[in-house]
């Protein structure tokens, strides 16, 4: 697929939203009104480009015969916002700043990888403390931005006192939180619950190809 214009991107976004809300495709007039485009001929011109580049399919024999291509329908843009340590903690953007995405790198992923979740972002892994969970140095972890976790879930935990973050399995124990590595050679991190802030939980891994 080639890069498309701002107007074509706006039409594509309108198509997605219309299909999600209505369950059927918009008419040409719907697109004119929804995208504030001057005429139906301008819409037709841009739809032909979107069809030619593989973003949509059209059936001229069917009223409202516009549908998103299978590939385009599944694509989700996910920001890569920094690094997370799977070893000793290192600083990463905190929960208040991860959505400041100006200049961020983006991944285009299928909805299967993001599991239909919202507020998904990616972190680059440094370190090897999660190797037994098949997360290695250089991999990308897909994170859902949440502030709570269940025991055993892999999380990005912000250690407030140290102003550092780490990727570990989360366990709430009497009077403390245990952040457990998945590497027999490394020891867990123990912290006061008030010192730990959950920034997100792992929902997927994209492995570095050697």
N, C-alpha and C. Protein backbone atom coordinates (compact mmCIF):
# COMPACT_ATOMS: atom_id res chain seq x y z
N UNK A 1 0.83 -1.19 0.00
CA UNK A 1 0.00 0.00 0.00
C UNK A 1 0.87 1.25 0.00
N UNK A 2 0.52 2.21 -0.86
CA UNK A 2 1.25 3.47 -0.90
C UNK A 2 0.64 4.45 0.09
N UNK A 3 1.43 5.49 0.42
CA UNK A 3 0.94 6.52 1.31
C UNK A 3 -0.20 7.27 0.63
N UNK A 4 -1.21 7.63 1.41
CA UNK A 4 -2.37 8.32 0.85
C UNK A 4 -2.44 9.74 1.39
N UNK A 5 -3.27 10.56 0.74
CA UNK A 5 -3.37 11.97 1.12
C UNK A 5 -4.18 12.12 2.41
N UNK A 6 -4.13 13.32 2.97
CA UNK A 6 -4.90 13.61 4.19
C UNK A 6 -6.39 13.43 3.94
N UNK A 7 -6.84 13.84 2.77
CA UNK A 7 -8.27 13.71 2.46
C UNK A 7 -8.66 12.23 2.34
N UNK A 8 -7.82 11.45 1.69
CA UNK A 8 -8.11 10.02 1.56
C UNK A 8 -8.07 9.32 2.92
N UNK A 9 -7.14 9.74 3.77
CA UNK A 9 -7.08 9.19 5.12
C UNK A 9 -8.33 9.54 5.91
N UNK A 10 -8.83 10.75 5.71
CA UNK A 10 -10.07 11.18 6.39
C UNK A 10 -11.26 10.35 5.92
N UNK A 11 -11.33 10.08 4.62
CA UNK A 11 -12.40 9.23 4.09
C UNK A 11 -12.31 7.83 4.67
N UNK A 12 -11.09 7.31 4.75
CA UNK A 12 -10.88 5.97 5.28
C UNK A 12 -11.31 5.89 6.75
N UNK A 13 -10.95 6.89 7.53
CA UNK A 13 -11.36 6.93 8.94
C UNK A 13 -12.87 7.01 9.07
N UNK A 14 -13.50 7.79 8.19
CA UNK A 14 -14.97 7.90 8.22
C UNK A 14 -15.62 6.56 7.87
N UNK A 15 -15.04 5.85 6.88
CA UNK A 15 -15.57 4.54 6.51
C UNK A 15 -15.52 3.58 7.70
N UNK A 16 -14.37 3.55 8.38
CA UNK A 16 -14.23 2.67 9.54
C UNK A 16 -15.27 2.99 10.61
N UNK A 17 -15.39 4.28 10.93
CA UNK A 17 -16.30 4.69 11.99
C UNK A 17 -17.76 4.41 11.62
N UNK A 18 -18.10 4.69 10.37
CA UNK A 18 -19.46 4.46 9.91
C UNK A 18 -19.82 2.98 9.98
N UNK A 19 -18.88 2.13 9.52
CA UNK A 19 -19.12 0.68 9.55
C UNK A 19 -19.27 0.17 10.98
N UNK A 20 -18.44 0.70 11.89
CA UNK A 20 -18.53 0.27 13.29
C UNK A 20 -19.84 0.68 13.92
N UNK A 21 -20.31 1.89 13.62
CA UNK A 21 -21.51 2.42 14.26
C UNK A 21 -22.80 1.89 13.62
N UNK A 22 -22.80 1.79 12.29
CA UNK A 22 -24.03 1.44 11.57
C UNK A 22 -24.11 -0.04 11.19
N UNK A 23 -22.95 -0.64 10.96
CA UNK A 23 -22.96 -2.03 10.54
C UNK A 23 -23.11 -2.22 9.04
N UNK A 24 -23.17 -1.12 8.29
CA UNK A 24 -23.24 -1.20 6.82
C UNK A 24 -22.45 -0.01 6.25
N UNK A 25 -22.05 -0.07 4.98
CA UNK A 25 -21.21 0.99 4.42
C UNK A 25 -21.98 2.28 4.19
N UNK A 26 -21.26 3.41 4.17
CA UNK A 26 -21.91 4.69 3.85
C UNK A 26 -22.16 4.83 2.36
N UNK A 27 -23.09 5.71 2.03
CA UNK A 27 -23.29 6.10 0.63
C UNK A 27 -22.29 7.19 0.28
N UNK A 28 -22.21 7.49 -1.01
CA UNK A 28 -21.33 8.58 -1.45
C UNK A 28 -21.75 9.89 -0.78
N UNK A 29 -23.07 10.12 -0.69
CA UNK A 29 -23.58 11.35 -0.06
C UNK A 29 -23.23 11.38 1.42
N UNK A 30 -23.26 10.23 2.08
CA UNK A 30 -22.85 10.16 3.49
C UNK A 30 -21.40 10.62 3.65
N UNK A 31 -20.55 10.19 2.72
CA UNK A 31 -19.13 10.55 2.78
C UNK A 31 -18.95 12.04 2.52
N UNK A 32 -19.69 12.57 1.54
CA UNK A 32 -19.64 14.02 1.26
C UNK A 32 -19.95 14.81 2.52
N UNK A 33 -21.05 14.43 3.19
CA UNK A 33 -21.48 15.17 4.38
C UNK A 33 -20.55 14.91 5.57
N UNK A 34 -20.20 13.64 5.76
CA UNK A 34 -19.39 13.28 6.93
C UNK A 34 -17.99 13.83 6.89
N UNK A 35 -17.42 13.92 5.69
CA UNK A 35 -16.04 14.41 5.54
C UNK A 35 -15.97 15.86 5.08
N UNK A 36 -17.15 16.47 4.91
CA UNK A 36 -17.22 17.87 4.48
C UNK A 36 -16.43 18.10 3.18
N UNK A 37 -16.76 17.26 2.20
CA UNK A 37 -16.12 17.33 0.88
C UNK A 37 -17.08 18.05 -0.07
N UNK A 38 -16.53 18.78 -1.03
CA UNK A 38 -17.32 19.69 -1.84
C UNK A 38 -18.33 19.02 -2.76
N UNK A 39 -18.01 17.81 -3.27
CA UNK A 39 -18.91 17.20 -4.25
C UNK A 39 -18.75 15.69 -4.27
N UNK A 40 -19.76 15.01 -4.87
CA UNK A 40 -19.69 13.55 -4.99
C UNK A 40 -18.57 13.14 -5.95
N UNK A 41 -18.26 13.99 -6.93
CA UNK A 41 -17.20 13.63 -7.89
C UNK A 41 -15.83 13.60 -7.21
N UNK A 42 -15.62 14.49 -6.24
CA UNK A 42 -14.36 14.49 -5.49
C UNK A 42 -14.27 13.21 -4.65
N UNK A 43 -15.38 12.80 -4.04
CA UNK A 43 -15.40 11.55 -3.28
C UNK A 43 -15.09 10.37 -4.19
N UNK A 44 -15.74 10.33 -5.36
CA UNK A 44 -15.52 9.24 -6.31
C UNK A 44 -14.06 9.16 -6.72
N UNK A 45 -13.46 10.30 -6.99
CA UNK A 45 -12.04 10.34 -7.39
C UNK A 45 -11.16 9.71 -6.30
N UNK A 46 -11.39 10.10 -5.05
CA UNK A 46 -10.56 9.60 -3.95
C UNK A 46 -10.86 8.14 -3.63
N UNK A 47 -12.10 7.71 -3.81
CA UNK A 47 -12.43 6.29 -3.61
C UNK A 47 -11.73 5.41 -4.64
N UNK A 48 -11.62 5.92 -5.88
CA UNK A 48 -10.93 5.15 -6.92
C UNK A 48 -9.46 4.96 -6.55
N UNK A 49 -8.84 6.00 -5.98
CA UNK A 49 -7.44 5.87 -5.55
C UNK A 49 -7.32 4.87 -4.40
N UNK A 50 -8.22 4.97 -3.42
CA UNK A 50 -8.20 4.03 -2.29
C UNK A 50 -8.40 2.59 -2.75
N UNK A 51 -9.26 2.41 -3.75
CA UNK A 51 -9.47 1.06 -4.29
C UNK A 51 -8.24 0.58 -5.05
N UNK A 52 -7.66 1.46 -5.84
CA UNK A 52 -6.48 1.09 -6.63
C UNK A 52 -5.31 0.70 -5.73
N UNK A 53 -5.16 1.39 -4.60
CA UNK A 53 -4.05 1.12 -3.69
C UNK A 53 -4.35 0.01 -2.70
N UNK A 54 -5.54 -0.59 -2.78
CA UNK A 54 -5.83 -1.76 -1.96
C UNK A 54 -6.41 -1.48 -0.59
N UNK A 55 -6.83 -0.24 -0.33
CA UNK A 55 -7.40 0.09 0.99
C UNK A 55 -8.86 -0.32 1.09
N UNK A 56 -9.57 -0.30 -0.02
CA UNK A 56 -10.98 -0.67 -0.01
C UNK A 56 -11.29 -1.55 -1.22
N UNK A 57 -12.47 -2.19 -1.17
CA UNK A 57 -13.01 -2.91 -2.33
C UNK A 57 -14.38 -2.32 -2.61
N UNK A 58 -14.75 -2.28 -3.90
CA UNK A 58 -16.06 -1.74 -4.30
C UNK A 58 -16.76 -2.70 -5.25
N UNK A 59 -18.05 -2.79 -5.06
CA UNK A 59 -18.89 -3.58 -5.95
C UNK A 59 -19.85 -2.63 -6.66
N UNK A 60 -19.61 -2.34 -7.95
CA UNK A 60 -20.44 -1.37 -8.66
C UNK A 60 -21.90 -1.82 -8.83
N UNK A 61 -22.14 -3.12 -8.64
CA UNK A 61 -23.50 -3.64 -8.80
C UNK A 61 -24.33 -3.54 -7.52
N UNK A 62 -23.68 -3.14 -6.44
CA UNK A 62 -24.36 -3.12 -5.14
C UNK A 62 -24.43 -1.71 -4.60
N UNK A 63 -25.63 -1.31 -4.13
CA UNK A 63 -25.77 -0.02 -3.48
C UNK A 63 -24.94 -0.01 -2.19
N UNK A 64 -24.25 1.08 -1.94
CA UNK A 64 -23.35 1.20 -0.79
C UNK A 64 -22.28 0.09 -0.82
N UNK A 65 -21.84 -0.28 -2.00
CA UNK A 65 -20.94 -1.43 -2.14
C UNK A 65 -19.49 -1.09 -1.88
N UNK A 66 -19.19 -0.52 -0.72
CA UNK A 66 -17.82 -0.19 -0.32
C UNK A 66 -17.48 -1.01 0.92
N UNK A 67 -16.33 -1.64 0.91
CA UNK A 67 -15.87 -2.32 2.12
C UNK A 67 -14.37 -2.16 2.27
N UNK A 68 -13.92 -2.18 3.51
CA UNK A 68 -12.49 -2.10 3.77
C UNK A 68 -11.83 -3.41 3.38
N UNK A 69 -10.62 -3.34 2.83
CA UNK A 69 -9.90 -4.57 2.52
C UNK A 69 -9.57 -5.29 3.81
N UNK A 70 -9.39 -6.60 3.72
CA UNK A 70 -9.12 -7.39 4.92
C UNK A 70 -7.86 -6.90 5.63
N UNK A 71 -6.83 -6.59 4.85
CA UNK A 71 -5.57 -6.13 5.45
C UNK A 71 -5.76 -4.79 6.15
N UNK A 72 -6.44 -3.85 5.48
CA UNK A 72 -6.60 -2.52 6.05
C UNK A 72 -7.51 -2.53 7.27
N UNK A 73 -8.52 -3.38 7.24
CA UNK A 73 -9.48 -3.45 8.34
C UNK A 73 -8.79 -3.90 9.62
N UNK A 74 -7.73 -4.67 9.48
CA UNK A 74 -7.10 -5.25 10.67
C UNK A 74 -5.95 -4.41 11.23
N UNK A 75 -5.53 -3.36 10.53
CA UNK A 75 -4.34 -2.62 10.93
C UNK A 75 -4.63 -1.64 12.07
N UNK A 76 -3.76 -1.68 13.08
CA UNK A 76 -3.83 -0.76 14.21
C UNK A 76 -2.46 -0.11 14.36
N UNK A 77 -2.43 1.21 14.55
CA UNK A 77 -1.16 1.92 14.74
C UNK A 77 -0.85 1.99 16.23
N UNK A 78 0.33 1.50 16.60
CA UNK A 78 0.73 1.42 18.00
C UNK A 78 2.03 2.21 18.19
N UNK A 79 2.06 3.16 19.13
CA UNK A 79 3.28 3.94 19.33
C UNK A 79 4.34 3.16 20.10
N UNK A 80 5.60 3.35 19.70
CA UNK A 80 6.73 2.81 20.46
C UNK A 80 7.27 3.97 21.29
N UNK A 81 7.10 3.91 22.61
CA UNK A 81 7.33 5.11 23.42
C UNK A 81 8.64 5.10 24.20
N UNK A 82 9.42 4.04 24.10
CA UNK A 82 10.69 4.05 24.81
C UNK A 82 11.17 2.66 25.16
N UNK A 83 12.00 2.60 26.19
CA UNK A 83 12.62 1.35 26.62
C UNK A 83 12.09 0.91 27.98
N UNK A 84 12.14 -0.38 28.23
CA UNK A 84 11.83 -0.94 29.54
C UNK A 84 12.88 -1.99 29.85
N UNK A 85 13.32 -2.04 31.10
CA UNK A 85 14.38 -2.98 31.46
C UNK A 85 13.79 -4.30 31.90
N UNK A 86 14.28 -5.37 31.31
CA UNK A 86 13.94 -6.71 31.78
C UNK A 86 15.13 -7.24 32.56
N UNK A 87 15.67 -6.40 33.39
CA UNK A 87 16.83 -6.72 34.22
C UNK A 87 16.78 -5.72 35.35
N UNK A 88 17.83 -4.91 35.51
CA UNK A 88 17.77 -3.84 36.49
C UNK A 88 16.86 -2.73 35.96
N UNK A 89 16.12 -2.05 36.86
CA UNK A 89 15.23 -0.98 36.40
C UNK A 89 15.98 0.16 35.73
N UNK A 90 15.38 0.74 34.70
CA UNK A 90 15.88 1.96 34.07
C UNK A 90 14.70 2.89 33.85
N UNK A 91 14.94 4.20 33.73
CA UNK A 91 13.82 5.13 33.54
C UNK A 91 13.13 4.92 32.19
N UNK A 92 11.79 5.03 32.20
CA UNK A 92 10.99 5.06 30.98
C UNK A 92 9.91 6.11 31.19
N UNK A 93 9.21 6.54 30.13
CA UNK A 93 8.12 7.51 30.32
C UNK A 93 7.11 7.00 31.33
N UNK A 94 6.67 7.88 32.22
CA UNK A 94 5.74 7.44 33.25
C UNK A 94 4.30 7.47 32.76
N UNK A 95 3.37 7.08 33.64
CA UNK A 95 1.97 6.90 33.24
C UNK A 95 1.33 8.19 32.79
N UNK A 96 1.86 9.34 33.25
CA UNK A 96 1.27 10.62 32.87
C UNK A 96 1.77 11.12 31.53
N UNK A 97 2.89 10.59 31.06
CA UNK A 97 3.50 11.14 29.85
C UNK A 97 3.57 10.18 28.68
N UNK A 98 3.13 8.92 28.84
CA UNK A 98 3.32 7.96 27.74
C UNK A 98 2.50 8.32 26.51
N UNK A 99 1.40 9.10 26.70
CA UNK A 99 0.56 9.44 25.56
C UNK A 99 1.04 10.70 24.83
N UNK A 100 2.13 11.30 25.28
CA UNK A 100 2.69 12.44 24.57
C UNK A 100 3.53 11.90 23.41
N UNK A 101 2.90 11.75 22.24
CA UNK A 101 3.47 10.90 21.20
C UNK A 101 4.08 11.67 20.03
N UNK A 102 4.28 12.97 20.17
CA UNK A 102 4.85 13.72 19.07
C UNK A 102 6.23 13.19 18.72
N UNK A 103 6.41 12.82 17.49
CA UNK A 103 7.69 12.30 17.04
C UNK A 103 7.92 10.83 17.35
N UNK A 104 6.91 10.16 17.91
CA UNK A 104 7.08 8.75 18.28
C UNK A 104 7.12 7.87 17.03
N UNK A 105 7.81 6.74 17.16
CA UNK A 105 7.80 5.70 16.13
C UNK A 105 6.50 4.91 16.28
N UNK A 106 5.90 4.50 15.16
CA UNK A 106 4.66 3.74 15.21
C UNK A 106 4.84 2.39 14.52
N UNK A 107 4.16 1.40 15.06
CA UNK A 107 4.05 0.09 14.43
C UNK A 107 2.66 -0.06 13.83
N UNK A 108 2.57 -0.72 12.69
CA UNK A 108 1.27 -1.07 12.12
C UNK A 108 1.06 -2.56 12.35
N UNK A 109 0.12 -2.89 13.23
CA UNK A 109 -0.09 -4.26 13.67
C UNK A 109 -1.52 -4.69 13.39
N UNK A 110 -1.72 -6.00 13.35
CA UNK A 110 -3.07 -6.52 13.18
C UNK A 110 -3.82 -6.46 14.51
N UNK A 111 -5.13 -6.43 14.43
CA UNK A 111 -5.95 -6.43 15.64
C UNK A 111 -5.77 -7.72 16.43
N UNK A 112 -5.37 -8.79 15.74
CA UNK A 112 -5.10 -10.04 16.47
C UNK A 112 -3.97 -9.84 17.47
N UNK A 113 -2.94 -9.08 17.08
CA UNK A 113 -1.81 -8.84 17.98
C UNK A 113 -2.19 -7.93 19.14
N UNK A 114 -3.05 -6.95 18.89
CA UNK A 114 -3.44 -6.04 19.97
C UNK A 114 -4.68 -6.54 20.72
N UNK A 115 -5.25 -7.65 20.25
CA UNK A 115 -6.39 -8.29 20.92
C UNK A 115 -7.59 -7.38 21.08
N UNK A 116 -7.71 -6.39 20.21
CA UNK A 116 -8.84 -5.48 20.27
C UNK A 116 -8.79 -4.52 21.44
N UNK A 117 -7.65 -4.45 22.13
CA UNK A 117 -7.53 -3.59 23.30
C UNK A 117 -7.30 -2.14 22.88
N UNK A 118 -7.70 -1.21 23.76
CA UNK A 118 -7.43 0.20 23.54
C UNK A 118 -6.23 0.62 24.38
N UNK A 119 -5.69 1.80 24.06
CA UNK A 119 -4.53 2.35 24.77
C UNK A 119 -3.38 1.34 24.81
N UNK A 120 -3.05 0.83 23.62
CA UNK A 120 -1.94 -0.11 23.49
C UNK A 120 -0.70 0.66 23.02
N UNK A 121 0.42 0.38 23.64
CA UNK A 121 1.68 0.97 23.23
C UNK A 121 2.77 -0.10 23.29
N UNK A 122 3.92 0.21 22.74
CA UNK A 122 5.02 -0.76 22.70
C UNK A 122 6.24 -0.21 23.40
N UNK A 123 7.00 -1.10 24.03
CA UNK A 123 8.26 -0.76 24.67
C UNK A 123 9.35 -1.69 24.15
N UNK A 124 10.55 -1.15 23.97
CA UNK A 124 11.69 -1.95 23.58
C UNK A 124 12.34 -2.51 24.85
N UNK A 125 12.64 -3.79 24.82
CA UNK A 125 13.16 -4.47 26.00
C UNK A 125 14.68 -4.39 26.05
N UNK A 126 15.19 -4.06 27.24
CA UNK A 126 16.63 -4.16 27.50
C UNK A 126 16.82 -5.14 28.64
N UNK A 127 17.70 -6.10 28.46
CA UNK A 127 17.99 -7.05 29.52
C UNK A 127 17.40 -8.43 29.27
N UNK A 128 17.74 -9.36 30.17
CA UNK A 128 17.39 -10.77 29.95
C UNK A 128 16.67 -11.40 31.13
N UNK A 129 16.12 -10.59 32.04
CA UNK A 129 15.51 -11.19 33.23
C UNK A 129 14.19 -11.89 32.93
N UNK A 130 13.63 -11.71 31.71
CA UNK A 130 12.36 -12.35 31.38
C UNK A 130 12.52 -13.40 30.29
N UNK A 131 13.73 -13.93 30.14
CA UNK A 131 13.99 -14.88 29.05
C UNK A 131 13.16 -16.16 29.18
N UNK A 132 12.87 -16.59 30.40
CA UNK A 132 12.07 -17.81 30.57
C UNK A 132 10.60 -17.58 30.23
N UNK A 133 10.23 -16.31 30.07
CA UNK A 133 8.89 -15.98 29.59
C UNK A 133 8.94 -15.64 28.10
N UNK A 134 10.06 -16.03 27.45
CA UNK A 134 10.27 -15.82 26.01
C UNK A 134 10.28 -14.35 25.63
N UNK A 135 10.82 -13.52 26.54
CA UNK A 135 11.03 -12.10 26.26
C UNK A 135 12.51 -11.83 26.43
N UNK A 136 13.17 -11.41 25.35
CA UNK A 136 14.62 -11.28 25.38
C UNK A 136 15.04 -9.86 25.03
N UNK A 137 16.31 -9.59 25.23
CA UNK A 137 16.86 -8.28 24.91
C UNK A 137 16.62 -7.96 23.44
N UNK A 138 16.10 -6.75 23.19
CA UNK A 138 15.83 -6.33 21.81
C UNK A 138 14.43 -6.58 21.34
N UNK A 139 13.66 -7.39 22.07
CA UNK A 139 12.26 -7.64 21.69
C UNK A 139 11.41 -6.39 21.95
N UNK A 140 10.23 -6.38 21.36
CA UNK A 140 9.22 -5.37 21.66
C UNK A 140 8.09 -6.02 22.43
N UNK A 141 7.67 -5.39 23.54
CA UNK A 141 6.49 -5.87 24.26
C UNK A 141 5.33 -4.92 24.00
N UNK A 142 4.17 -5.49 23.72
CA UNK A 142 2.95 -4.71 23.54
C UNK A 142 2.28 -4.59 24.90
N UNK A 143 2.00 -3.37 25.32
CA UNK A 143 1.45 -3.09 26.63
C UNK A 143 0.07 -2.45 26.51
N UNK A 144 -0.86 -2.90 27.36
CA UNK A 144 -2.12 -2.18 27.52
C UNK A 144 -1.97 -1.27 28.73
N UNK A 145 -2.30 0.00 28.55
CA UNK A 145 -2.15 0.96 29.64
C UNK A 145 -3.23 0.71 30.69
N UNK A 146 -2.83 0.12 31.81
CA UNK A 146 -3.72 -0.14 32.95
C UNK A 146 -2.97 0.26 34.21
N UNK A 147 -3.71 0.40 35.31
CA UNK A 147 -3.09 0.81 36.57
C UNK A 147 -3.23 -0.25 37.65
N UNK A 148 -3.84 -1.37 37.32
CA UNK A 148 -3.96 -2.49 38.27
C UNK A 148 -3.55 -3.77 37.56
N UNK A 149 -3.21 -4.78 38.35
CA UNK A 149 -2.79 -6.06 37.77
C UNK A 149 -3.17 -7.19 38.71
N UNK A 150 -3.31 -8.37 38.14
CA UNK A 150 -3.55 -9.59 38.91
C UNK A 150 -2.23 -10.30 39.15
N UNK A 151 -2.16 -11.07 40.22
CA UNK A 151 -0.93 -11.83 40.51
C UNK A 151 -0.53 -12.69 39.32
N UNK A 152 0.74 -12.64 38.97
CA UNK A 152 1.26 -13.44 37.87
C UNK A 152 1.30 -12.73 36.54
N UNK A 153 0.62 -11.58 36.42
CA UNK A 153 0.64 -10.86 35.15
C UNK A 153 1.97 -10.13 34.98
N UNK A 154 2.44 -10.05 33.73
CA UNK A 154 3.66 -9.31 33.43
C UNK A 154 3.31 -7.84 33.27
N UNK A 155 4.01 -7.00 34.02
CA UNK A 155 3.67 -5.58 34.03
C UNK A 155 4.91 -4.72 33.86
N UNK A 156 4.67 -3.48 33.43
CA UNK A 156 5.66 -2.43 33.55
C UNK A 156 5.35 -1.72 34.86
N UNK A 157 6.26 -1.83 35.82
CA UNK A 157 6.05 -1.26 37.15
C UNK A 157 6.99 -0.08 37.35
N UNK A 158 6.42 1.05 37.71
CA UNK A 158 7.18 2.26 37.99
C UNK A 158 7.48 2.29 39.49
N UNK A 159 8.76 2.35 39.82
CA UNK A 159 9.19 2.44 41.22
C UNK A 159 9.39 3.92 41.54
N UNK A 160 8.45 4.46 42.31
CA UNK A 160 8.40 5.91 42.50
C UNK A 160 9.64 6.45 43.19
N UNK A 161 10.08 5.77 44.24
CA UNK A 161 11.21 6.28 45.00
C UNK A 161 12.48 6.31 44.15
N UNK A 162 12.68 5.26 43.37
CA UNK A 162 13.88 5.18 42.52
C UNK A 162 13.72 5.92 41.21
N UNK A 163 12.46 6.27 40.87
CA UNK A 163 12.13 6.91 39.59
C UNK A 163 12.65 6.07 38.42
N UNK A 164 12.35 4.78 38.50
CA UNK A 164 12.76 3.83 37.48
C UNK A 164 11.62 2.86 37.22
N UNK A 165 11.69 2.19 36.09
CA UNK A 165 10.66 1.21 35.75
C UNK A 165 11.30 -0.11 35.36
N UNK A 166 10.52 -1.18 35.53
CA UNK A 166 11.04 -2.50 35.21
C UNK A 166 9.92 -3.39 34.71
N UNK A 167 10.29 -4.38 33.93
CA UNK A 167 9.34 -5.36 33.40
C UNK A 167 9.47 -6.65 34.20
N UNK A 168 8.43 -7.02 34.92
CA UNK A 168 8.47 -8.21 35.78
C UNK A 168 7.06 -8.78 35.92
N UNK A 169 6.98 -9.97 36.51
CA UNK A 169 5.67 -10.50 36.93
C UNK A 169 5.30 -9.89 38.28
N UNK A 170 4.02 -9.55 38.40
CA UNK A 170 3.53 -8.85 39.58
C UNK A 170 2.92 -9.82 40.58
N UNK A 171 3.30 -9.66 41.86
CA UNK A 171 2.68 -10.44 42.94
C UNK A 171 2.47 -9.54 44.15
N UNK A 172 1.24 -9.46 44.60
CA UNK A 172 0.91 -8.72 45.82
C UNK A 172 0.99 -9.68 47.00
N UNK A 173 1.90 -9.40 47.93
CA UNK A 173 2.10 -10.25 49.09
C UNK A 173 1.81 -9.42 50.35
N UNK A 174 1.65 -10.06 51.50
CA UNK A 174 1.36 -9.31 52.73
C UNK A 174 2.40 -8.21 53.00
N UNK A 175 1.96 -6.98 52.91
CA UNK A 175 2.81 -5.84 53.23
C UNK A 175 3.82 -5.44 52.18
N UNK A 176 3.82 -6.11 51.01
CA UNK A 176 4.81 -5.77 49.99
C UNK A 176 4.35 -6.25 48.61
N UNK A 177 5.05 -5.75 47.62
CA UNK A 177 4.87 -6.23 46.24
C UNK A 177 6.16 -6.90 45.80
N UNK A 178 6.01 -8.08 45.20
CA UNK A 178 7.15 -8.79 44.65
C UNK A 178 7.11 -8.67 43.13
N UNK A 179 8.20 -8.18 42.57
CA UNK A 179 8.34 -8.09 41.12
C UNK A 179 9.32 -9.18 40.71
N UNK A 180 8.78 -10.23 40.12
CA UNK A 180 9.51 -11.48 39.92
C UNK A 180 10.07 -11.60 38.50
N UNK A 181 11.39 -11.76 38.36
CA UNK A 181 11.95 -12.01 37.03
C UNK A 181 11.63 -13.43 36.58
N UNK A 182 11.71 -13.65 35.27
CA UNK A 182 11.57 -15.00 34.72
C UNK A 182 12.94 -15.45 34.25
N UNK A 183 13.85 -15.52 35.22
CA UNK A 183 15.22 -15.94 34.98
C UNK A 183 15.76 -16.44 36.30
N UNK A 184 16.10 -17.72 36.35
CA UNK A 184 16.52 -18.34 37.61
C UNK A 184 17.77 -17.72 38.20
N UNK A 185 18.55 -17.02 37.39
CA UNK A 185 19.79 -16.44 37.88
C UNK A 185 19.59 -15.06 38.51
N UNK A 186 18.36 -14.55 38.48
CA UNK A 186 18.10 -13.20 38.98
C UNK A 186 17.12 -13.23 40.14
N UNK A 187 17.30 -12.30 41.06
CA UNK A 187 16.48 -12.24 42.26
C UNK A 187 15.30 -11.29 42.04
N UNK A 188 14.21 -11.52 42.78
CA UNK A 188 13.06 -10.62 42.68
C UNK A 188 13.35 -9.26 43.31
N UNK A 189 12.54 -8.28 42.94
CA UNK A 189 12.56 -6.96 43.55
C UNK A 189 11.38 -6.89 44.52
N UNK A 190 11.64 -6.49 45.76
CA UNK A 190 10.58 -6.31 46.75
C UNK A 190 10.39 -4.82 46.98
N UNK A 191 9.13 -4.38 47.04
CA UNK A 191 8.86 -2.95 47.19
C UNK A 191 7.62 -2.73 48.03
N UNK A 192 7.58 -1.57 48.68
CA UNK A 192 6.39 -1.14 49.41
C UNK A 192 5.28 -0.87 48.38
N UNK A 193 4.03 -1.33 48.63
CA UNK A 193 2.95 -1.08 47.67
C UNK A 193 2.78 0.39 47.30
N UNK A 194 3.06 1.30 48.24
CA UNK A 194 2.92 2.71 47.94
C UNK A 194 4.02 3.23 47.02
N UNK A 195 5.07 2.44 46.85
CA UNK A 195 6.19 2.84 46.01
C UNK A 195 6.05 2.33 44.57
N UNK A 196 5.01 1.52 44.31
CA UNK A 196 4.87 0.88 43.00
C UNK A 196 3.64 1.41 42.28
N UNK A 197 3.83 1.78 41.04
CA UNK A 197 2.73 2.21 40.18
C UNK A 197 2.74 1.35 38.92
N UNK A 198 1.62 0.69 38.65
CA UNK A 198 1.50 -0.12 37.44
C UNK A 198 1.27 0.80 36.25
N UNK A 199 2.10 0.67 35.23
CA UNK A 199 1.97 1.49 34.03
C UNK A 199 1.29 0.75 32.88
N UNK A 200 1.28 -0.57 32.94
CA UNK A 200 0.66 -1.34 31.87
C UNK A 200 0.96 -2.81 32.05
N UNK A 201 0.21 -3.64 31.33
CA UNK A 201 0.48 -5.08 31.37
C UNK A 201 0.74 -5.60 29.97
N UNK A 202 1.55 -6.63 29.90
CA UNK A 202 1.95 -7.19 28.61
C UNK A 202 0.79 -7.96 27.99
N UNK A 203 0.50 -7.65 26.73
CA UNK A 203 -0.52 -8.39 25.99
C UNK A 203 0.05 -9.09 24.76
N UNK A 204 1.34 -8.85 24.48
CA UNK A 204 1.94 -9.52 23.33
C UNK A 204 3.42 -9.20 23.24
N UNK A 205 4.12 -9.98 22.45
CA UNK A 205 5.57 -9.82 22.27
C UNK A 205 5.88 -9.91 20.77
N UNK A 206 6.72 -8.99 20.31
CA UNK A 206 7.23 -9.05 18.94
C UNK A 206 8.73 -9.33 19.06
N UNK A 207 9.15 -10.50 18.62
CA UNK A 207 10.53 -10.92 18.86
C UNK A 207 11.49 -10.39 17.81
N UNK A 208 12.66 -10.03 18.29
CA UNK A 208 13.72 -9.59 17.39
C UNK A 208 14.23 -10.79 16.62
N UNK A 209 14.34 -10.64 15.32
CA UNK A 209 14.88 -11.71 14.48
C UNK A 209 16.39 -11.57 14.40
N UNK A 210 17.07 -12.64 14.72
CA UNK A 210 18.54 -12.61 14.72
C UNK A 210 19.05 -12.95 13.33
